[in-house]
Amino acid sequence: MAFSPDGSLLASGNNDRTIRLWEVSTGECLKILQGHANWVVTIAFSPDGRLLVSGSEDRTIRLWEVSTGQCLKVLEGYSAWVRSVAFSPDGRLLASGSSDHTVRLWEVSTGQCLKVLQDHTDWVRSVAFSPDGRLVASSSNDCTVRLWEVRTGQCLKVLQRGKAITYPVAFCPDGQILANSSNDQTIQLWDINKGLLVRTLQGHSGDVTSLAFSSDGSLLLSGSDDETVKLWNVGTETCLLTLRSDRPYERMDITGVTGLTKTQREALRILGAIEQDIMDPEEIRTGKGLEIRYTK
């Protein structure tokens, strides 16, 4: 999903191969954009809000006119899914990352591919332009974040902390700090001039799949598979707020409830139900699941 720059529209990409444009104030679906031949994985508005870009599992990128819903251009050349797209701050360039391990830079006005950046050795998951438009950051399943110079296409720095797969990347508005998350459930903050890790934020219990800085760069918002959104103070590395919506069976106590299969119990727990730590009667009868500890 992506909000328009003025916040009046929300665009959503769907597994039915469509993109929907929604009016935020009313919740009304204004347009359905059709043309992709497979799931729409990633979308982004241009800085002026006139264009929308979408990337798909059909290996193409499409540029859409927001006011009419018309597809203006189809950008082709990838050999695998397009996983991330981003406009440059001036709206003239487009960066995209793909499962074919490459990052591509495109000219928006012509649809021409200007550069193919090829140093990653696995899927490229996320791309982002620096606020001044000079750099592109890319994250990958190869456990690295790379910083590329837009003008030359040269890889300037490789940021890596251990062997964790890297997920989204986001630049601080001052362009000095880059945030990225990993599949070890942490968030890293990097000094891009020195290429050094300066902070690690910990607190999520699931993979962090989205990141966004506040306009002054003092706060960072993170969304996770643990079904929470956390607000962080970047300077102090502290979590200021944790948001979580109630699930359908939040805090329902199913302790001692009979007639449920293990699969049903697990599904209820995922949906918010709670259960005291007692052994299933069947496990007691058969002895399965017993753990015997010897102490001196």
C-alpha atoms as a PDB file:
ATOM      1  CA  MET A   1       0.000   0.000   0.000  1.00  0.00           C
ATOM      2  CA  ALA A   2       1.029   3.621  -0.480  1.00  0.00           C
ATOM      3  CA  PHE A   3      -0.436   7.004   0.430  1.00  0.00           C
ATOM      4  CA  SER A   4      -0.396   9.863  -2.066  1.00  0.00           C
ATOM      5  CA  PRO A   5       1.880  12.774  -1.042  1.00  0.00           C
ATOM      6  CA  ASP A   6      -1.100  14.895   0.074  1.00  0.00           C
ATOM      7  CA  GLY A   7      -2.623  11.989   1.992  1.00  0.00           C
ATOM      8  CA  SER A   8      -5.933  12.094   0.137  1.00  0.00           C
ATOM      9  CA  LEU A   9      -5.523   8.769  -1.718  1.00  0.00           C
ATOM     10  CA  LEU A  10      -4.466   5.264  -0.780  1.00  0.00           C
ATOM     11  CA  ALA A  11      -3.285   2.801  -3.418  1.00  0.00           C
ATOM     12  CA  SER A  12      -3.361  -0.931  -2.760  1.00  0.00           C
ATOM     13  CA  GLY A  13      -1.794  -3.698  -4.839  1.00  0.00           C
ATOM     14  CA  ASN A  14      -3.654  -6.986  -4.851  1.00  0.00           C
ATOM     15  CA  ASN A  15      -3.215 -10.662  -5.640  1.00  0.00           C
ATOM     16  CA  ASP A  16      -6.120 -10.383  -8.110  1.00  0.00           C
ATOM     17  CA  ARG A  17      -3.664  -8.529 -10.434  1.00  0.00           C
ATOM     18  CA  THR A  18      -5.330  -5.142  -9.861  1.00  0.00           C
ATOM     19  CA  ILE A  19      -4.500  -1.867  -8.139  1.00  0.00           C
ATOM     20  CA  ARG A  20      -7.222   0.012  -6.316  1.00  0.00           C
ATOM     21  CA  LEU A  21      -7.260   3.743  -5.606  1.00  0.00           C
ATOM     22  CA  TRP A  22      -9.194   4.686  -2.470  1.00  0.00           C
ATOM     23  CA  GLU A  23     -10.401   8.043  -1.203  1.00  0.00           C
ATOM     24  CA  VAL A  24      -9.090   8.239   2.355  1.00  0.00           C
ATOM     25  CA  SER A  25     -11.776  10.564   3.706  1.00  0.00           C
ATOM     26  CA  THR A  26     -14.696   8.374   2.583  1.00  0.00           C
ATOM     27  CA  GLY A  27     -13.176   4.912   2.102  1.00  0.00           C
ATOM     28  CA  GLU A  28     -14.628   4.831  -1.420  1.00  0.00           C
ATOM     29  CA  CYS A  29     -12.827   2.915  -4.165  1.00  0.00           C
ATOM     30  CA  LEU A  30     -12.371   5.498  -6.927  1.00  0.00           C
ATOM     31  CA  LYS A  31     -10.597   3.432  -9.584  1.00  0.00           C
ATOM     32  CA  ILE A  32      -9.472  -0.108 -10.328  1.00  0.00           C
ATOM     33  CA  LEU A  33      -6.325  -0.258 -12.460  1.00  0.00           C
ATOM     34  CA  GLN A  34      -5.988  -3.387 -14.567  1.00  0.00           C
ATOM     35  CA  GLY A  35      -3.177  -4.636 -16.785  1.00  0.00           C
ATOM     36  CA  HIS A  36      -0.789  -6.759 -14.749  1.00  0.00           C
ATOM     37  CA  ALA A  37      -0.833 -10.500 -15.456  1.00  0.00           C
ATOM     38  CA  ASN A  38       0.101 -11.583 -11.932  1.00  0.00           C
ATOM     39  CA  TRP A  39       0.135 -10.365  -8.311  1.00  0.00           C
ATOM     40  CA  VAL A  40       0.967  -6.713  -7.750  1.00  0.00           C
ATOM     41  CA  VAL A  41       3.796  -6.785  -5.207  1.00  0.00           C
ATOM     42  CA  THR A  42       4.894  -3.154  -4.818  1.00  0.00           C
ATOM     43  CA  ILE A  43       3.529   0.343  -5.530  1.00  0.00           C
ATOM     44  CA  ALA A  44       4.643   3.957  -5.028  1.00  0.00           C
ATOM     45  CA  PHE A  45       3.358   7.447  -5.827  1.00  0.00           C
ATOM     46  CA  SER A  46       5.516  10.022  -7.592  1.00  0.00           C
ATOM     47  CA  PRO A  47       6.535  13.028  -5.442  1.00  0.00           C
ATOM     48  CA  ASP A  48       3.921  15.248  -7.140  1.00  0.00           C
ATOM     49  CA  GLY A  49       1.195  12.597  -6.850  1.00  0.00           C
ATOM     50  CA  ARG A  50       0.419  12.550 -10.564  1.00  0.00           C
ATOM     51  CA  LEU A  51       1.892   9.119 -11.280  1.00  0.00           C
ATOM     52  CA  LEU A  52       1.735   5.719  -9.664  1.00  0.00           C
ATOM     53  CA  VAL A  53       4.267   2.972 -10.307  1.00  0.00           C
ATOM     54  CA  SER A  54       3.615  -0.731  -9.727  1.00  0.00           C
ATOM     55  CA  GLY A  55       5.811  -3.826  -9.822  1.00  0.00           C
ATOM     56  CA  SER A  56       4.461  -7.320 -10.265  1.00  0.00           C
ATOM     57  CA  GLU A  57       5.219 -11.009 -10.275  1.00  0.00           C
ATOM     58  CA  ASP A  58       4.578 -10.774 -14.033  1.00  0.00           C
ATOM     59  CA  ARG A  59       8.142  -9.306 -14.245  1.00  0.00           C
ATOM     60  CA  THR A  60       6.989  -5.877 -15.425  1.00  0.00           C
ATOM     61  CA  ILE A  61       6.717  -2.356 -14.050  1.00  0.00           C
ATOM     62  CA  ARG A  62       3.783  -0.161 -15.006  1.00  0.00           C
ATOM     63  CA  LEU A  63       3.446   3.611 -14.829  1.00  0.00           C
ATOM     64  CA  TRP A  64      -0.092   4.895 -14.299  1.00  0.00           C
ATOM     65  CA  GLU A  65      -1.692   8.333 -14.537  1.00  0.00           C
ATOM     66  CA  VAL A  66      -3.530   8.780 -11.247  1.00  0.00           C
ATOM     67  CA  SER A  67      -6.187  11.187 -12.520  1.00  0.00           C
ATOM     68  CA  THR A  68      -7.385   8.885 -15.331  1.00  0.00           C
ATOM     69  CA  GLY A  69      -6.193   5.441 -14.233  1.00  0.00           C
ATOM     70  CA  GLN A  70      -4.544   5.019 -17.642  1.00  0.00           C
ATOM     71  CA  CYS A  71      -1.393   2.918 -17.982  1.00  0.00           C
ATOM     72  CA  LEU A  72       1.171   5.209 -19.592  1.00  0.00           C
ATOM     73  CA  LYS A  73       4.153   2.864 -19.896  1.00  0.00           C
ATOM     74  CA  VAL A  74       5.148  -0.758 -19.364  1.00  0.00           C
ATOM     75  CA  LEU A  75       8.797  -1.231 -18.381  1.00  0.00           C
ATOM     76  CA  GLU A  76      10.231  -4.635 -19.217  1.00  0.00           C
ATOM     77  CA  GLY A  77      13.560  -6.413 -18.947  1.00  0.00           C
ATOM     78  CA  TYR A  78      13.425  -8.369 -15.714  1.00  0.00           C
ATOM     79  CA  SER A  79      13.693 -12.162 -15.696  1.00  0.00           C
ATOM     80  CA  ALA A  80      11.957 -12.541 -12.308  1.00  0.00           C
ATOM     81  CA  TRP A  81       9.493 -10.824  -9.957  1.00  0.00           C
ATOM     82  CA  VAL A  82       9.738  -7.089  -9.356  1.00  0.00           C
ATOM     83  CA  ARG A  83       9.834  -6.716  -5.569  1.00  0.00           C
ATOM     84  CA  SER A  84      10.361  -2.996  -4.912  1.00  0.00           C
ATOM     85  CA  VAL A  85       9.984   0.344  -6.696  1.00  0.00           C
ATOM     86  CA  ALA A  86      10.829   3.910  -5.676  1.00  0.00           C
ATOM     87  CA  PHE A  87      10.748   7.356  -7.314  1.00  0.00           C
ATOM     88  CA  SER A  88      13.685   9.738  -7.017  1.00  0.00           C
ATOM     89  CA  PRO A  89      12.932  12.914  -5.010  1.00  0.00           C
ATOM     90  CA  ASP A  90      12.589  14.969  -8.212  1.00  0.00           C
ATOM     91  CA  GLY A  91      10.371  12.319  -9.856  1.00  0.00           C
ATOM     92  CA  ARG A  92      12.613  11.957 -12.896  1.00  0.00           C
ATOM     93  CA  LEU A  93      14.071   8.551 -12.096  1.00  0.00           C
ATOM     94  CA  LEU A  94      12.723   5.246 -10.900  1.00  0.00           C
ATOM     95  CA  ALA A  95      14.630   2.547  -9.033  1.00  0.00           C
ATOM     96  CA  SER A  96      13.463  -1.057  -8.928  1.00  0.00           C
ATOM     97  CA  GLY A  97      14.686  -4.274  -7.346  1.00  0.00           C
ATOM     98  CA  SER A  98      13.949  -7.816  -8.445  1.00  0.00           C
ATOM     99  CA  SER A  99      14.292 -11.484  -7.613  1.00  0.00           C
ATOM    100  CA  ASP A 100      16.778 -11.660 -10.513  1.00  0.00           C
ATOM    101  CA  HIS A 101      19.344 -10.061  -8.107  1.00  0.00           C
ATOM    102  CA  THR A 102      19.514  -6.718  -9.946  1.00  0.00           C
ATOM    103  CA  VAL A 103      18.645  -3.094  -9.281  1.00  0.00           C
ATOM    104  CA  ARG A 104      17.594  -1.051 -12.290  1.00  0.00           C
ATOM    105  CA  LEU A 105      17.421   2.720 -12.793  1.00  0.00           C
ATOM    106  CA  TRP A 106      14.813   4.009 -15.237  1.00  0.00           C
ATOM    107  CA  GLU A 107      14.060   7.371 -16.845  1.00  0.00           C
ATOM    108  CA  VAL A 108      10.415   8.095 -16.087  1.00  0.00           C
ATOM    109  CA  SER A 109       9.739  10.321 -19.104  1.00  0.00           C
ATOM    110  CA  THR A 110      10.910   7.762 -21.675  1.00  0.00           C
ATOM    111  CA  GLY A 111      10.667   4.452 -19.819  1.00  0.00           C
ATOM    112  CA  GLN A 112      14.284   3.738 -20.791  1.00  0.00           C
ATOM    113  CA  CYS A 113      16.456   1.589 -18.518  1.00  0.00           C
ATOM    114  CA  LEU A 114      19.537   3.713 -17.807  1.00  0.00           C
ATOM    115  CA  LYS A 115      21.576   1.357 -15.636  1.00  0.00           C
ATOM    116  CA  VAL A 116      21.544  -2.225 -14.343  1.00  0.00           C
ATOM    117  CA  LEU A 117      23.284  -2.639 -10.977  1.00  0.00           C
ATOM    118  CA  GLN A 118      24.409  -6.234 -10.543  1.00  0.00           C
ATOM    119  CA  ASP A 119      26.524  -6.795  -7.417  1.00  0.00           C
ATOM    120  CA  HIS A 120      23.844  -8.517  -5.298  1.00  0.00           C
ATOM    121  CA  THR A 121      23.937 -12.312  -5.272  1.00  0.00           C
ATOM    122  CA  ASP A 122      20.334 -12.988  -4.220  1.00  0.00           C
ATOM    123  CA  TRP A 123      16.861 -11.409  -4.348  1.00  0.00           C
ATOM    124  CA  VAL A 124      16.698  -7.634  -4.008  1.00  0.00           C
ATOM    125  CA  ARG A 125      13.929  -6.937  -1.498  1.00  0.00           C
ATOM    126  CA  SER A 126      13.854  -3.151  -1.145  1.00  0.00           C
ATOM    127  CA  VAL A 127      15.160   0.022  -2.805  1.00  0.00           C
ATOM    128  CA  ALA A 128      15.131   3.651  -1.672  1.00  0.00           C
ATOM    129  CA  PHE A 129      16.585   6.953  -2.890  1.00  0.00           C
ATOM    130  CA  SER A 130      18.488   9.249  -0.553  1.00  0.00           C
ATOM    131  CA  PRO A 131      16.730  12.608   0.081  1.00  0.00           C
ATOM    132  CA  ASP A 132      19.152  14.421  -2.248  1.00  0.00           C
ATOM    133  CA  GLY A 133      18.712  11.794  -4.971  1.00  0.00           C
ATOM    134  CA  ARG A 134      22.439  11.025  -5.245  1.00  0.00           C
ATOM    135  CA  LEU A 135      22.277   7.536  -3.769  1.00  0.00           C
ATOM    136  CA  VAL A 136      20.126   4.440  -3.984  1.00  0.00           C
ATOM    137  CA  ALA A 137      20.095   1.902  -1.159  1.00  0.00           C
ATOM    138  CA  SER A 138      19.146  -1.721  -1.808  1.00  0.00           C
ATOM    139  CA  SER A 139      18.620  -4.633   0.559  1.00  0.00           C
ATOM    140  CA  SER A 140      18.877  -8.278  -0.376  1.00  0.00           C
ATOM    141  CA  ASN A 141      18.549 -11.888   0.658  1.00  0.00           C
ATOM    142  CA  ASP A 142      22.354 -12.006   0.316  1.00  0.00           C
ATOM    143  CA  CYS A 143      22.426 -10.384   3.806  1.00  0.00           C
ATOM    144  CA  THR A 144      23.808  -7.052   2.570  1.00  0.00           C
ATOM    145  CA  VAL A 145      22.630  -3.497   2.088  1.00  0.00           C
ATOM    146  CA  ARG A 146      24.375  -1.720  -0.771  1.00  0.00           C
ATOM    147  CA  LEU A 147      24.739   2.000  -1.422  1.00  0.00           C
ATOM    148  CA  TRP A 148      24.922   2.952  -5.095  1.00  0.00           C
ATOM    149  CA  GLU A 149      25.882   6.232  -6.726  1.00  0.00           C
ATOM    150  CA  VAL A 150      23.045   7.131  -9.083  1.00  0.00           C
ATOM    151  CA  ARG A 151      25.206   9.083 -11.547  1.00  0.00           C
ATOM    152  CA  THR A 152      27.728   6.311 -12.182  1.00  0.00           C
ATOM    153  CA  GLY A 153      25.943   3.172 -10.999  1.00  0.00           C
ATOM    154  CA  GLN A 154      28.974   2.356  -8.819  1.00  0.00           C
ATOM    155  CA  CYS A 155      28.535   0.485  -5.542  1.00  0.00           C
ATOM    156  CA  LEU A 156      30.061   2.800  -2.934  1.00  0.00           C
ATOM    157  CA  LYS A 157      29.516   0.811   0.256  1.00  0.00           C
ATOM    158  CA  VAL A 158      28.390  -2.616   1.417  1.00  0.00           C
ATOM    159  CA  LEU A 159      26.692  -2.657   4.817  1.00  0.00           C
ATOM    160  CA  GLN A 160      26.498  -6.016   6.552  1.00  0.00           C
ATOM    161  CA  ARG A 161      25.952  -7.247  10.100  1.00  0.00           C
ATOM    162  CA  GLY A 162      26.279 -11.001  10.370  1.00  0.00           C
ATOM    163  CA  LYS A 163      24.289 -13.402   8.218  1.00  0.00           C
ATOM    164  CA  ALA A 164      20.784 -11.969   8.591  1.00  0.00           C
ATOM    165  CA  ILE A 165      18.640 -11.415   5.481  1.00  0.00           C
ATOM    166  CA  THR A 166      17.892  -7.710   5.072  1.00  0.00           C
ATOM    167  CA  TYR A 167      14.368  -6.403   4.533  1.00  0.00           C
ATOM    168  CA  PRO A 168      13.189  -2.783   4.008  1.00  0.00           C
ATOM    169  CA  VAL A 169      15.514   0.221   3.820  1.00  0.00           C
ATOM    170  CA  ALA A 170      14.621   3.828   4.667  1.00  0.00           C
ATOM    171  CA  PHE A 171      16.707   7.014   4.669  1.00  0.00           C
ATOM    172  CA  CYS A 172      16.473   9.547   7.484  1.00  0.00           C
ATOM    173  CA  PRO A 173      15.295  12.913   6.058  1.00  0.00           C
ATOM    174  CA  ASP A 174      18.736  14.477   6.645  1.00  0.00           C
ATOM    175  CA  GLY A 175      20.278  11.732   4.495  1.00  0.00           C
ATOM    176  CA  GLN A 176      22.919  10.821   7.096  1.00  0.00           C
ATOM    177  CA  ILE A 177      21.322   7.706   8.575  1.00  0.00           C
ATOM    178  CA  LEU A 178      19.940   4.631   6.817  1.00  0.00           C
ATOM    179  CA  ALA A 179      17.603   2.239   8.606  1.00  0.00           C
ATOM    180  CA  ASN A 180      17.138  -1.367   7.628  1.00  0.00           C
ATOM    181  CA  SER A 181      15.657  -4.426   9.287  1.00  0.00           C
ATOM    182  CA  SER A 182      16.719  -8.064   9.242  1.00  0.00           C
ATOM    183  CA  ASN A 183      15.149 -11.462   9.715  1.00  0.00           C
ATOM    184  CA  ASP A 184      16.674 -11.596  13.201  1.00  0.00           C
ATOM    185  CA  GLN A 185      13.835  -9.248  14.266  1.00  0.00           C
ATOM    186  CA  THR A 186      16.117  -6.221  14.770  1.00  0.00           C
ATOM    187  CA  ILE A 187      16.452  -2.800  13.151  1.00  0.00           C
ATOM    188  CA  GLN A 188      19.859  -1.394  12.241  1.00  0.00           C
ATOM    189  CA  LEU A 189      20.777   2.292  11.923  1.00  0.00           C
ATOM    190  CA  TRP A 190      23.824   3.023   9.752  1.00  0.00           C
ATOM    191  CA  ASP A 191      26.003   6.105   9.312  1.00  0.00           C
ATOM    192  CA  ILE A 192      26.105   6.156   5.528  1.00  0.00           C
ATOM    193  CA  ASN A 193      29.171   8.409   5.277  1.00  0.00           C
ATOM    194  CA  LYS A 194      31.307   6.077   7.393  1.00  0.00           C
ATOM    195  CA  GLY A 195      29.481   2.858   6.551  1.00  0.00           C
ATOM    196  CA  LEU A 196      29.275   2.040  10.260  1.00  0.00           C
ATOM    197  CA  LEU A 197      26.484   0.515  12.317  1.00  0.00           C
ATOM    198  CA  VAL A 198      25.610   3.108  14.985  1.00  0.00           C
ATOM    199  CA  ARG A 199      22.505   1.654  16.650  1.00  0.00           C
ATOM    200  CA  THR A 200      20.494  -1.562  16.843  1.00  0.00           C
ATOM    201  CA  LEU A 201      16.858  -1.443  17.921  1.00  0.00           C
ATOM    202  CA  GLN A 202      15.443  -4.559  19.557  1.00  0.00           C
ATOM    203  CA  GLY A 203      11.937  -5.338  20.757  1.00  0.00           C
ATOM    204  CA  HIS A 204       9.958  -6.992  17.969  1.00  0.00           C
ATOM    205  CA  SER A 205       9.249 -10.716  18.173  1.00  0.00           C
ATOM    206  CA  GLY A 206       8.685 -11.140  14.428  1.00  0.00           C
ATOM    207  CA  ASP A 207      10.316 -10.000  11.184  1.00  0.00           C
ATOM    208  CA  VAL A 208      10.163  -6.216  10.661  1.00  0.00           C
ATOM    209  CA  THR A 209       8.633  -5.628   7.243  1.00  0.00           C
ATOM    210  CA  SER A 210       8.179  -1.844   7.051  1.00  0.00           C
ATOM    211  CA  LEU A 211      10.039   1.265   8.227  1.00  0.00           C
ATOM    212  CA  ALA A 212       9.330   5.011   8.064  1.00  0.00           C
ATOM    213  CA  PHE A 213      11.020   8.061   9.606  1.00  0.00           C
ATOM    214  CA  SER A 214       9.192  11.118  10.937  1.00  0.00           C
ATOM    215  CA  SER A 215       9.698  14.337   8.966  1.00  0.00           C
ATOM    216  CA  ASP A 216      12.408  15.574  11.374  1.00  0.00           C
ATOM    217  CA  GLY A 217      14.128  12.189  11.603  1.00  0.00           C
ATOM    218  CA  SER A 218      13.867  11.951  15.389  1.00  0.00           C
ATOM    219  CA  LEU A 219      11.324   9.113  15.330  1.00  0.00           C
ATOM    220  CA  LEU A 220      11.160   5.809  13.472  1.00  0.00           C
ATOM    221  CA  LEU A 221       8.054   3.709  12.922  1.00  0.00           C
ATOM    222  CA  SER A 222       8.370  -0.054  12.391  1.00  0.00           C
ATOM    223  CA  GLY A 223       5.773  -2.637  11.419  1.00  0.00           C
ATOM    224  CA  SER A 224       6.292  -6.319  12.102  1.00  0.00           C
ATOM    225  CA  ASP A 225       4.944  -9.818  11.553  1.00  0.00           C
ATOM    226  CA  ASP A 226       4.437  -9.908  15.327  1.00  0.00           C
ATOM    227  CA  GLU A 227       1.295  -7.835  14.608  1.00  0.00           C
ATOM    228  CA  THR A 228       2.643  -4.694  16.278  1.00  0.00           C
ATOM    229  CA  VAL A 229       3.726  -1.239  15.174  1.00  0.00           C
ATOM    230  CA  LYS A 230       6.444   0.347  17.310  1.00  0.00           C
ATOM    231  CA  LEU A 231       7.469   3.995  17.585  1.00  0.00           C
ATOM    232  CA  TRP A 232      11.159   4.511  18.405  1.00  0.00           C
ATOM    233  CA  ASN A 233      13.173   7.482  19.614  1.00  0.00           C
ATOM    234  CA  VAL A 234      16.147   7.309  17.258  1.00  0.00           C
ATOM    235  CA  GLY A 235      18.520   9.208  19.534  1.00  0.00           C
ATOM    236  CA  THR A 236      17.910   7.180  22.691  1.00  0.00           C
ATOM    237  CA  GLU A 237      17.122   3.829  21.016  1.00  0.00           C
ATOM    238  CA  THR A 238      13.995   3.506  23.169  1.00  0.00           C
ATOM    239  CA  CYS A 239      10.568   2.258  22.144  1.00  0.00           C
ATOM    240  CA  LEU A 240       8.072   4.996  22.984  1.00  0.00           C
ATOM    241  CA  LEU A 241       4.870   3.256  21.941  1.00  0.00           C
ATOM    242  CA  THR A 242       3.625  -0.149  20.820  1.00  0.00           C
ATOM    243  CA  LEU A 243       0.392  -0.385  18.833  1.00  0.00           C
ATOM    244  CA  ARG A 244      -1.534  -3.602  18.392  1.00  0.00           C
ATOM    245  CA  SER A 245      -5.116  -4.079  17.293  1.00  0.00           C
ATOM    246  CA  ASP A 246      -7.254  -6.642  19.071  1.00  0.00           C
ATOM    247  CA  ARG A 247      -7.563  -9.950  17.272  1.00  0.00           C
ATOM    248  CA  PRO A 248     -10.952 -11.720  16.887  1.00  0.00           C
ATOM    249  CA  TYR A 249     -10.478 -13.906  19.994  1.00  0.00           C
ATOM    250  CA  GLU A 250      -8.258 -11.586  22.018  1.00  0.00           C
ATOM    251  CA  ARG A 251      -7.853 -12.775  25.631  1.00  0.00           C
ATOM    252  CA  MET A 252     -10.419 -15.596  25.264  1.00  0.00           C
ATOM    253  CA  ASP A 253      -9.354 -18.266  27.783  1.00  0.00           C
ATOM    254  CA  ILE A 254      -9.518 -21.749  26.225  1.00  0.00           C
ATOM    255  CA  THR A 255      -7.778 -23.499  29.113  1.00  0.00           C
ATOM    256  CA  GLY A 256      -9.424 -26.874  29.698  1.00  0.00           C
ATOM    257  CA  VAL A 257     -11.739 -26.631  26.684  1.00  0.00           C
ATOM    258  CA  THR A 258     -12.229 -30.110  25.249  1.00  0.00           C
ATOM    259  CA  GLY A 259     -13.050 -31.280  21.736  1.00  0.00           C
ATOM    260  CA  LEU A 260     -10.450 -29.081  20.000  1.00  0.00           C
ATOM    261  CA  THR A 261      -7.759 -30.527  17.785  1.00  0.00           C
ATOM    262  CA  LYS A 262      -4.184 -29.268  18.074  1.00  0.00           C
ATOM    263  CA  THR A 263      -4.604 -27.384  14.810  1.00  0.00           C
ATOM    264  CA  GLN A 264      -7.745 -25.659  16.079  1.00  0.00           C
ATOM    265  CA  ARG A 265      -6.041 -24.722  19.338  1.00  0.00           C
ATOM    266  CA  GLU A 266      -3.097 -23.214  17.501  1.00  0.00           C
ATOM    267  CA  ALA A 267      -5.417 -21.272  15.184  1.00  0.00           C
ATOM    268  CA  LEU A 268      -7.276 -19.837  18.184  1.00  0.00           C
ATOM    269  CA  ARG A 269      -4.003 -18.816  19.819  1.00  0.00           C
ATOM    270  CA  ILE A 270      -2.949 -17.020  16.633  1.00  0.00           C
ATOM    271  CA  LEU A 271      -6.291 -15.190  16.720  1.00  0.00           C
ATOM    272  CA  GLY A 272      -5.690 -14.028  20.287  1.00  0.00           C
ATOM    273  CA  ALA A 273      -6.941 -16.792  22.561  1.00  0.00           C
ATOM    274  CA  ILE A 274      -4.917 -17.654  25.653  1.00  0.00           C
ATOM    275  CA  GLU A 275      -4.291 -21.004  27.295  1.00  0.00           C
ATOM    276  CA  GLN A 276      -2.634 -21.813  30.585  1.00  0.00           C
ATOM    277  CA  ASP A 277       0.465 -23.966  30.422  1.00  0.00           C
ATOM    278  CA  ILE A 278      -1.124 -27.327  31.120  1.00  0.00           C
ATOM    279  CA  MET A 279      -0.673 -30.627  29.311  1.00  0.00           C
ATOM    280  CA  ASP A 280      -3.222 -31.927  26.861  1.00  0.00           C
ATOM    281  CA  PRO A 281      -5.193 -34.886  28.367  1.00  0.00           C
ATOM    282  CA  GLU A 282      -4.221 -37.098  25.437  1.00  0.00           C
ATOM    283  CA  GLU A 283      -0.563 -36.348  26.054  1.00  0.00           C
ATOM    284  CA  ILE A 284      -0.965 -37.292  29.724  1.00  0.00           C
ATOM    285  CA  ARG A 285      -2.665 -40.602  28.774  1.00  0.00           C
ATOM    286  CA  THR A 286      -0.038 -41.589  26.210  1.00  0.00           C
ATOM    287  CA  GLY A 287       3.007 -40.014  27.800  1.00  0.00           C
ATOM    288  CA  LYS A 288       3.738 -37.976  24.648  1.00  0.00           C
ATOM    289  CA  GLY A 289       5.230 -34.568  25.228  1.00  0.00           C
ATOM    290  CA  LEU A 290       6.571 -35.439  28.698  1.00  0.00           C
ATOM    291  CA  GLU A 291       9.939 -34.014  29.550  1.00  0.00           C
ATOM    292  CA  ILE A 292      11.836 -35.625  32.436  1.00  0.00           C
ATOM    293  CA  ARG A 293      14.595 -33.661  34.096  1.00  0.00           C
ATOM    294  CA  TYR A 294      17.073 -35.132  36.541  1.00  0.00           C
ATOM    295  CA  THR A 295      18.509 -32.951  39.258  1.00  0.00           C
ATOM    296  CA  LYS A 296      21.182 -33.766  41.767  1.00  0.00           C
END
